[in-house]
Protein backbone atom coordinates (compact mmCIF):
# COMPACT_ATOMS: atom_id res chain seq x y z
CA MET A 1 2.92 -1.45 -23.17
CA LYS A 2 5.10 -0.02 -20.46
CA LYS A 3 3.63 2.01 -17.64
CA GLY A 4 3.36 5.68 -18.47
CA ALA A 5 3.15 5.11 -22.23
CA PHE A 6 1.17 7.60 -24.30
CA LEU A 7 -0.59 6.70 -27.54
CA GLU A 8 -3.91 8.56 -27.46
CA ILE A 9 -4.63 12.28 -27.69
CA ASN A 10 -4.92 14.06 -24.34
CA GLU A 11 -8.52 15.34 -24.45
CA GLU A 12 -7.90 18.47 -22.36
CA GLN A 13 -4.88 19.50 -24.42
CA PHE A 14 -6.77 18.74 -27.64
CA LYS A 15 -9.69 20.97 -26.56
CA ALA A 16 -7.24 23.84 -26.05
CA PHE A 17 -5.48 23.09 -29.35
CA VAL A 18 -8.70 23.22 -31.42
CA LYS A 19 -9.46 26.68 -30.00
CA LEU A 20 -6.28 28.12 -31.57
CA PRO A 21 -6.64 30.20 -34.77
CA LYS A 22 -7.26 27.61 -37.49
CA ASP A 23 -5.42 29.52 -40.23
CA THR A 24 -2.00 29.49 -38.54
CA SER A 25 0.71 27.04 -39.59
CA VAL A 26 1.74 24.34 -37.18
CA VAL A 27 4.73 22.05 -36.70
CA MET A 28 4.22 18.75 -34.92
CA LEU A 29 7.10 17.03 -33.16
CA ASN A 30 6.61 13.26 -33.07
CA LEU A 31 8.74 11.18 -30.67
CA LEU A 32 8.27 7.48 -31.32
CA LYS A 33 9.23 4.29 -29.48
CA PHE A 34 8.37 1.15 -31.45
CA LYS A 35 7.12 -2.17 -30.12
CA GLU A 36 9.56 -5.04 -30.53
CA LEU A 37 6.79 -7.16 -32.06
CA VAL A 38 3.24 -6.28 -33.12
CA THR A 39 1.27 -9.39 -32.19
CA GLU A 40 -1.59 -8.57 -34.61
CA THR A 41 0.72 -8.64 -37.64
CA GLY A 42 3.88 -10.49 -36.59
CA LEU A 43 5.90 -7.50 -37.82
CA SER A 44 8.27 -5.38 -35.82
CA GLY A 45 6.96 -2.03 -34.62
CA ALA A 46 9.35 -0.27 -37.00
CA ASP A 47 7.99 -2.24 -39.99
CA SER A 48 4.41 -1.66 -38.84
CA TYR A 49 5.12 2.07 -38.61
CA LYS A 50 6.41 1.99 -42.20
CA GLU A 51 3.03 0.52 -43.18
CA TYR A 52 1.28 3.32 -41.29
CA MET A 53 3.37 5.93 -43.14
CA LYS A 54 2.61 4.29 -46.48
CA LYS A 55 -1.15 4.32 -45.75
CA ALA A 56 -1.04 7.84 -44.25
CA THR A 57 0.90 9.39 -47.15
CA PRO A 58 -2.21 10.22 -49.23
CA PHE A 59 -3.64 12.02 -46.18
CA PHE A 60 -0.37 13.96 -45.73
CA ILE A 61 -0.39 14.92 -49.42
CA LYS A 62 -3.99 16.12 -49.26
CA ALA A 63 -3.17 18.17 -46.13
CA GLU A 64 -0.07 19.55 -47.90
CA ALA A 65 2.01 18.37 -44.93
CA GLU A 66 5.77 18.70 -45.20
CA ILE A 67 8.11 16.33 -43.39
CA LEU A 68 10.86 18.65 -42.19
CA PHE A 69 12.88 15.93 -40.48
CA MET A 70 12.64 12.18 -40.02
CA GLY A 71 15.45 10.43 -38.25
CA LYS A 72 16.79 8.83 -35.10
CA GLU A 73 18.45 10.20 -32.01
CA ASN A 74 22.11 9.29 -31.83
CA THR A 75 23.85 10.81 -28.84
CA MET A 76 22.60 12.50 -25.68
CA LEU A 77 24.85 15.56 -25.51
CA ILE A 78 22.85 17.27 -22.75
CA GLY A 79 20.75 15.11 -20.47
CA PRO A 80 20.96 11.95 -18.41
CA GLU A 81 23.20 9.29 -19.93
CA ASP A 82 20.88 6.49 -18.87
CA GLU A 83 17.73 7.99 -20.42
CA GLU A 84 16.23 5.77 -23.09
CA LEU A 85 16.25 7.49 -26.46
CA TRP A 86 13.40 7.48 -29.00
CA ASP A 87 13.47 5.17 -32.02
CA LYS A 88 12.35 7.86 -34.45
CA ILE A 89 11.78 11.61 -34.47
CA LEU A 90 9.59 13.40 -36.99
CA LEU A 91 8.96 17.09 -37.49
CA ILE A 92 5.96 17.66 -39.75
CA LYS A 93 4.74 21.08 -40.85
CA TYR A 94 1.13 21.70 -41.78
CA LYS A 95 0.08 24.89 -43.60
CA THR A 96 -2.74 25.38 -41.10
CA ILE A 97 -4.08 23.89 -37.92
CA SER A 98 -7.28 23.34 -39.88
CA ASP A 99 -5.40 21.11 -42.38
CA PHE A 100 -3.97 19.03 -39.53
CA LEU A 101 -7.35 18.64 -37.82
CA GLU A 102 -9.10 17.73 -41.05
CA MET A 103 -6.44 15.14 -41.82
CA ILE A 104 -6.62 13.30 -38.49
CA GLN A 105 -10.44 13.38 -38.51
CA THR A 106 -10.91 12.17 -42.09
CA GLU A 107 -12.59 8.79 -42.40
CA GLY A 108 -10.02 6.15 -43.21
CA TYR A 109 -7.05 7.94 -41.63
CA PRO A 110 -4.95 4.99 -40.34
CA SER A 111 -4.31 6.14 -36.75
CA HIS A 112 -4.96 2.57 -35.59
CA LEU A 113 -1.84 1.45 -37.49
CA ARG A 114 0.22 4.13 -35.78
CA ASN A 115 -0.99 3.04 -32.35
CA GLN A 116 -0.49 -0.63 -33.21
CA ALA A 117 3.18 -0.02 -34.06
CA LEU A 118 4.08 2.05 -31.01
CA GLU A 119 5.02 1.24 -27.45
CA ASP A 120 5.13 4.92 -26.51
CA SER A 121 4.95 8.30 -28.21
CA ARG A 122 4.72 12.05 -27.84
CA LEU A 123 3.00 14.43 -30.23
CA ILE A 124 3.98 18.01 -29.46
CA HIS A 125 2.51 21.13 -31.07
CA CYS A 126 5.36 23.55 -31.74
CA SER A 127 5.30 27.17 -32.82
């Protein structure tokens, strides 16, 4: 993992997030950089992330999450030309903050597969 990579929830930010009104909708921006190779599985990070999404889908369905966008950056129109772009971008809408929190805290939620696939990531609460 490169220096400055982020895979785990920032505890201070999470504490502030859980204090928000639980009945409001939330959109989460996911910026993802995959590992070249996941040593535990021998798969690429991209293929490992596909496995995570497959295993996480029942949790998304139960939370009534809606994937608004899933794709890749193509061209940096504003910003430094030499900045490394993300491998995948996801925008996921949850009906409520409560639904999101319940989903990520449910026993069996495969967050370990997400972390295993990624070299770096950002998870940004948007409103």
